[in-house]
Amino acid sequence: MMPLDCSVNEDLDCGVHWHITLTTLLETNDSQKFSLAVPKETACSYICVFDPAFGPDAGVPCLQHILQDSKKVVSN
């Protein structure tokens, strides 16, 4: 069982929806806008939120939560 199957997927979904909420008022063609309108925008939104490129505490879900869920999988 993958750790993302436990509860980390929910964190990722919440992170994408949070970013969509924060960027709602941006213009449609703004590169910083998050959207689920079409598959390409959906993929970009999830990749941007999931990408931990800015350090160990960046990205959703955070590294600590992934490790926590990984330990749950091993212990169960």
C-alpha atoms as a PDB file:
ATOM      1  CA  MET A   1       0.000   0.000   0.000  1.00  0.00           C
ATOM      2  CA  MET A   2       1.365   3.395  -0.946  1.00  0.00           C
ATOM      3  CA  PRO A   3       1.493   6.198   1.646  1.00  0.00           C
ATOM      4  CA  LEU A   4      -0.403   8.465  -0.752  1.00  0.00           C
ATOM      5  CA  ASP A   5      -3.301   6.013  -0.518  1.00  0.00           C
ATOM      6  CA  CYS A   6      -3.703   6.635   3.213  1.00  0.00           C
ATOM      7  CA  SER A   7      -4.494  10.264   3.954  1.00  0.00           C
ATOM      8  CA  VAL A   8      -1.814  12.205   2.088  1.00  0.00           C
ATOM      9  CA  ASN A   9      -3.943  12.293  -1.081  1.00  0.00           C
ATOM     10  CA  GLU A  10      -6.511  14.307   0.857  1.00  0.00           C
ATOM     11  CA  ASP A  11      -3.789  16.800   1.812  1.00  0.00           C
ATOM     12  CA  LEU A  12      -2.856  17.154  -1.852  1.00  0.00           C
ATOM     13  CA  ASP A  13      -6.467  17.720  -2.905  1.00  0.00           C
ATOM     14  CA  CYS A  14      -6.990  20.286  -0.140  1.00  0.00           C
ATOM     15  CA  GLY A  15      -3.775  22.060  -1.161  1.00  0.00           C
ATOM     16  CA  VAL A  16      -4.904  22.341  -4.782  1.00  0.00           C
ATOM     17  CA  HIS A  17      -8.336  23.609  -3.784  1.00  0.00           C
ATOM     18  CA  TRP A  18      -6.753  26.120  -1.403  1.00  0.00           C
ATOM     19  CA  HIS A  19      -4.540  27.459  -4.213  1.00  0.00           C
ATOM     20  CA  ILE A  20      -7.549  27.665  -6.520  1.00  0.00           C
ATOM     21  CA  THR A  21      -9.385  29.695  -3.898  1.00  0.00           C
ATOM     22  CA  LEU A  22      -6.422  32.026  -3.429  1.00  0.00           C
ATOM     23  CA  THR A  23      -6.062  32.661  -7.167  1.00  0.00           C
ATOM     24  CA  THR A  24      -9.737  32.947  -8.081  1.00  0.00           C
ATOM     25  CA  LEU A  25      -9.563  36.687  -8.766  1.00  0.00           C
ATOM     26  CA  LEU A  26      -6.559  36.445 -11.115  1.00  0.00           C
ATOM     27  CA  GLU A  27      -7.103  36.773 -14.841  1.00  0.00           C
ATOM     28  CA  THR A  28      -7.699  33.523 -16.741  1.00  0.00           C
ATOM     29  CA  ASN A  29      -4.429  33.829 -18.678  1.00  0.00           C
ATOM     30  CA  ASP A  30      -2.315  34.573 -15.563  1.00  0.00           C
ATOM     31  CA  SER A  31       0.440  31.962 -15.173  1.00  0.00           C
ATOM     32  CA  GLN A  32      -0.016  31.958 -11.381  1.00  0.00           C
ATOM     33  CA  LYS A  33      -3.702  31.011 -11.552  1.00  0.00           C
ATOM     34  CA  PHE A  34      -4.678  27.517 -10.391  1.00  0.00           C
ATOM     35  CA  SER A  35      -7.606  25.810 -12.100  1.00  0.00           C
ATOM     36  CA  LEU A  36      -9.305  22.470 -12.631  1.00  0.00           C
ATOM     37  CA  ALA A  37     -11.206  23.680 -15.708  1.00  0.00           C
ATOM     38  CA  VAL A  38      -9.493  21.423 -18.244  1.00  0.00           C
ATOM     39  CA  PRO A  39      -7.210  18.375 -17.853  1.00  0.00           C
ATOM     40  CA  LYS A  40      -4.036  20.295 -18.759  1.00  0.00           C
ATOM     41  CA  GLU A  41      -4.707  22.964 -16.111  1.00  0.00           C
ATOM     42  CA  THR A  42      -5.627  20.280 -13.588  1.00  0.00           C
ATOM     43  CA  ALA A  43      -2.328  18.476 -14.174  1.00  0.00           C
ATOM     44  CA  CYS A  44      -0.366  21.723 -13.868  1.00  0.00           C
ATOM     45  CA  SER A  45      -2.171  22.606 -10.633  1.00  0.00           C
ATOM     46  CA  TYR A  46      -1.427  19.242  -9.019  1.00  0.00           C
ATOM     47  CA  ILE A  47       2.189  19.213 -10.188  1.00  0.00           C
ATOM     48  CA  CYS A  48       2.800  22.718  -8.848  1.00  0.00           C
ATOM     49  CA  VAL A  49       1.273  21.937  -5.460  1.00  0.00           C
ATOM     50  CA  PHE A  50       3.001  18.548  -5.148  1.00  0.00           C
ATOM     51  CA  ASP A  51       6.461  19.817  -6.216  1.00  0.00           C
ATOM     52  CA  PRO A  52       8.752  20.253  -3.186  1.00  0.00           C
ATOM     53  CA  ALA A  53      11.276  22.286  -5.212  1.00  0.00           C
ATOM     54  CA  PHE A  54      11.595  25.006  -2.580  1.00  0.00           C
ATOM     55  CA  GLY A  55      12.975  22.871   0.238  1.00  0.00           C
ATOM     56  CA  PRO A  56      12.015  20.040   2.576  1.00  0.00           C
ATOM     57  CA  ASP A  57       9.021  21.905   4.042  1.00  0.00           C
ATOM     58  CA  ALA A  58       7.621  23.010   0.668  1.00  0.00           C
ATOM     59  CA  GLY A  59       5.009  21.217  -1.353  1.00  0.00           C
ATOM     60  CA  VAL A  60       1.819  19.522  -0.263  1.00  0.00           C
ATOM     61  CA  PRO A  61       1.837  17.098   1.421  1.00  0.00           C
ATOM     62  CA  CYS A  62       4.820  18.071   3.518  1.00  0.00           C
ATOM     63  CA  LEU A  63       7.697  15.656   3.927  1.00  0.00           C
ATOM     64  CA  GLN A  64       6.884  15.074   7.588  1.00  0.00           C
ATOM     65  CA  HIS A  65       3.344  13.937   6.767  1.00  0.00           C
ATOM     66  CA  ILE A  66       4.572  11.590   4.045  1.00  0.00           C
ATOM     67  CA  LEU A  67       7.028  10.031   6.522  1.00  0.00           C
ATOM     68  CA  GLN A  68       4.303   9.755   9.150  1.00  0.00           C
ATOM     69  CA  ASP A  69       1.981   7.938   6.745  1.00  0.00           C
ATOM     70  CA  SER A  70       4.838   5.716   5.520  1.00  0.00           C
ATOM     71  CA  LYS A  71       5.458   4.601   9.089  1.00  0.00           C
ATOM     72  CA  LYS A  72       1.721   3.880   9.473  1.00  0.00           C
ATOM     73  CA  VAL A  73       1.815   1.621   6.416  1.00  0.00           C
ATOM     74  CA  VAL A  74       4.826  -0.301   7.739  1.00  0.00           C
ATOM     75  CA  SER A  75       3.347  -0.702  11.217  1.00  0.00           C
ATOM     76  CA  ASN A  76       0.004  -1.945   9.891  1.00  0.00           C
END
